[in-house]
C-alpha atoms as a PDB file:
ATOM      1  CA  MET A   1       0.405 -59.669  -6.246  1.00  0.00           C
ATOM      2  CA  SER A   2       1.274 -57.627  -8.693  1.00  0.00           C
ATOM      3  CA  SER A   3       1.651 -53.586  -8.291  1.00  0.00           C
ATOM      4  CA  ASN A   4      -1.749 -53.989  -9.896  1.00  0.00           C
ATOM      5  CA  GLU A   5      -3.510 -55.284  -7.458  1.00  0.00           C
ATOM      6  CA  ALA A   6      -1.668 -54.080  -4.211  1.00  0.00           C
ATOM      7  CA  LYS A   7      -3.574 -51.435  -3.213  1.00  0.00           C
ATOM      8  CA  LYS A   8      -1.528 -48.818  -0.777  1.00  0.00           C
ATOM      9  CA  ILE A   9      -2.815 -48.181   2.634  1.00  0.00           C
ATOM     10  CA  THR A  10      -2.559 -44.385   3.771  1.00  0.00           C
ATOM     11  CA  LYS A  11      -3.598 -41.723   6.116  1.00  0.00           C
ATOM     12  CA  GLU A  12      -7.217 -41.317   5.674  1.00  0.00           C
ATOM     13  CA  ASP A  13      -7.538 -45.263   5.548  1.00  0.00           C
ATOM     14  CA  LEU A  14      -5.439 -45.014   8.893  1.00  0.00           C
ATOM     15  CA  GLU A  15      -7.593 -42.621  10.537  1.00  0.00           C
ATOM     16  CA  ALA A  16     -10.781 -43.744   8.894  1.00  0.00           C
ATOM     17  CA  LYS A  17     -10.180 -47.528  11.030  1.00  0.00           C
ATOM     18  CA  LEU A  18      -9.490 -45.792  14.081  1.00  0.00           C
ATOM     19  CA  ARG A  19     -12.523 -43.479  13.732  1.00  0.00           C
ATOM     20  CA  GLU A  20     -14.422 -46.942  13.420  1.00  0.00           C
ATOM     21  CA  ILE A  21     -12.399 -48.766  16.228  1.00  0.00           C
ATOM     22  CA  ARG A  22     -12.194 -46.201  18.822  1.00  0.00           C
ATOM     23  CA  GLY A  23     -16.823 -45.541  18.047  1.00  0.00           C
ATOM     24  CA  GLU A  24     -17.087 -48.909  18.698  1.00  0.00           C
ATOM     25  CA  VAL A  25     -15.147 -48.582  22.474  1.00  0.00           C
ATOM     26  CA  ASP A  26     -17.083 -45.301  23.653  1.00  0.00           C
ATOM     27  CA  LYS A  27     -20.347 -47.452  22.729  1.00  0.00           C
ATOM     28  CA  ALA A  28     -18.523 -50.911  24.743  1.00  0.00           C
ATOM     29  CA  VAL A  29     -17.505 -48.357  27.697  1.00  0.00           C
ATOM     30  CA  GLY A  30     -20.526 -47.090  28.077  1.00  0.00           C
ATOM     31  CA  THR A  31     -22.962 -49.593  28.210  1.00  0.00           C
ATOM     32  CA  ALA A  32     -20.764 -50.903  30.747  1.00  0.00           C
ATOM     33  CA  LYS A  33     -19.954 -48.062  32.657  1.00  0.00           C
ATOM     34  CA  PRO A  34     -23.087 -47.962  35.328  1.00  0.00           C
ATOM     35  CA  ALA A  35     -22.832 -51.702  35.105  1.00  0.00           C
ATOM     36  CA  LEU A  36     -18.715 -51.325  36.430  1.00  0.00           C
ATOM     37  CA  SER A  37     -20.412 -48.698  39.198  1.00  0.00           C
ATOM     38  CA  ALA A  38     -22.960 -50.825  40.800  1.00  0.00           C
ATOM     39  CA  VAL A  39     -20.651 -53.538  40.816  1.00  0.00           C
ATOM     40  CA  VAL A  40     -18.250 -50.936  42.872  1.00  0.00           C
ATOM     41  CA  VAL A  41     -21.046 -50.633  45.334  1.00  0.00           C
ATOM     42  CA  ALA A  42     -21.952 -53.959  46.206  1.00  0.00           C
ATOM     43  CA  VAL A  43     -18.019 -54.796  46.162  1.00  0.00           C
ATOM     44  CA  GLY A  44     -17.775 -52.182  49.185  1.00  0.00           C
ATOM     45  CA  VAL A  45     -20.857 -52.200  51.053  1.00  0.00           C
ATOM     46  CA  ALA A  46     -19.629 -55.635  51.907  1.00  0.00           C
ATOM     47  CA  VAL A  47     -16.246 -55.153  52.428  1.00  0.00           C
ATOM     48  CA  ILE A  48     -17.144 -52.555  54.510  1.00  0.00           C
ATOM     49  CA  SER A  49     -20.099 -55.313  56.139  1.00  0.00           C
ATOM     50  CA  ILE A  50     -17.817 -57.886  56.479  1.00  0.00           C
ATOM     51  CA  SER A  51     -14.659 -55.352  58.384  1.00  0.00           C
ATOM     52  CA  PHE A  52     -17.977 -54.641  60.917  1.00  0.00           C
ATOM     53  CA  LEU A  53     -18.322 -57.894  61.746  1.00  0.00           C
ATOM     54  CA  ILE A  54     -15.045 -59.303  62.438  1.00  0.00           C
ATOM     55  CA  GLY A  55     -14.803 -56.087  64.145  1.00  0.00           C
ATOM     56  CA  LEU A  56     -17.496 -56.876  66.384  1.00  0.00           C
ATOM     57  CA  LYS A  57     -16.758 -60.972  66.905  1.00  0.00           C
ATOM     58  CA  MET A  58     -12.870 -59.810  68.172  1.00  0.00           C
ATOM     59  CA  GLY A  59     -15.056 -57.549  70.809  1.00  0.00           C
ATOM     60  CA  ARG A  60     -16.245 -60.230  71.862  1.00  0.00           C
ATOM     61  CA  LYS A  61     -13.359 -62.556  72.494  1.00  0.00           C
ATOM     62  CA  LYS A  62     -10.877 -59.228  73.772  1.00  0.00           C
ATOM     63  CA  ASN A  63     -14.018 -58.327  76.163  1.00  0.00           C
ATOM     64  CA  THR A  64     -13.049 -58.180  79.301  1.00  0.00           C
ATOM     65  CA  VAL A  65     -15.289 -58.769  82.194  1.00  0.00           C
ATOM     66  CA  ILE A  66     -15.366 -57.882  86.087  1.00  0.00           C
ATOM     67  CA  GLU A  67     -17.306 -58.604  88.665  1.00  0.00           C
ATOM     68  CA  ILE A  68     -17.716 -55.899  91.779  1.00  0.00           C
ATOM     69  CA  LYS A  69     -18.444 -57.358  94.977  1.00  0.00           C
ATOM     70  CA  ARG A  70     -19.392 -55.437  98.052  1.00  0.00           C
ATOM     71  CA  ILE A  71     -17.910 -56.378 101.052  1.00  0.00           C
END
């Protein structure tokens, strides 16, 4: 490449490209945010439900049976 063919990169070129990339990222985040929220809620409900069921099962195993007899 000769000096005539080489284009120098300026500060404005870098800023313009970064703004373009940031705009694309902001759009992607904006569209993914509602779906991500739904996934987080679903995982939270699943964890709480599984914890409840495991606790229920453990409670049945450790449950003490007391017999009372009248004399």
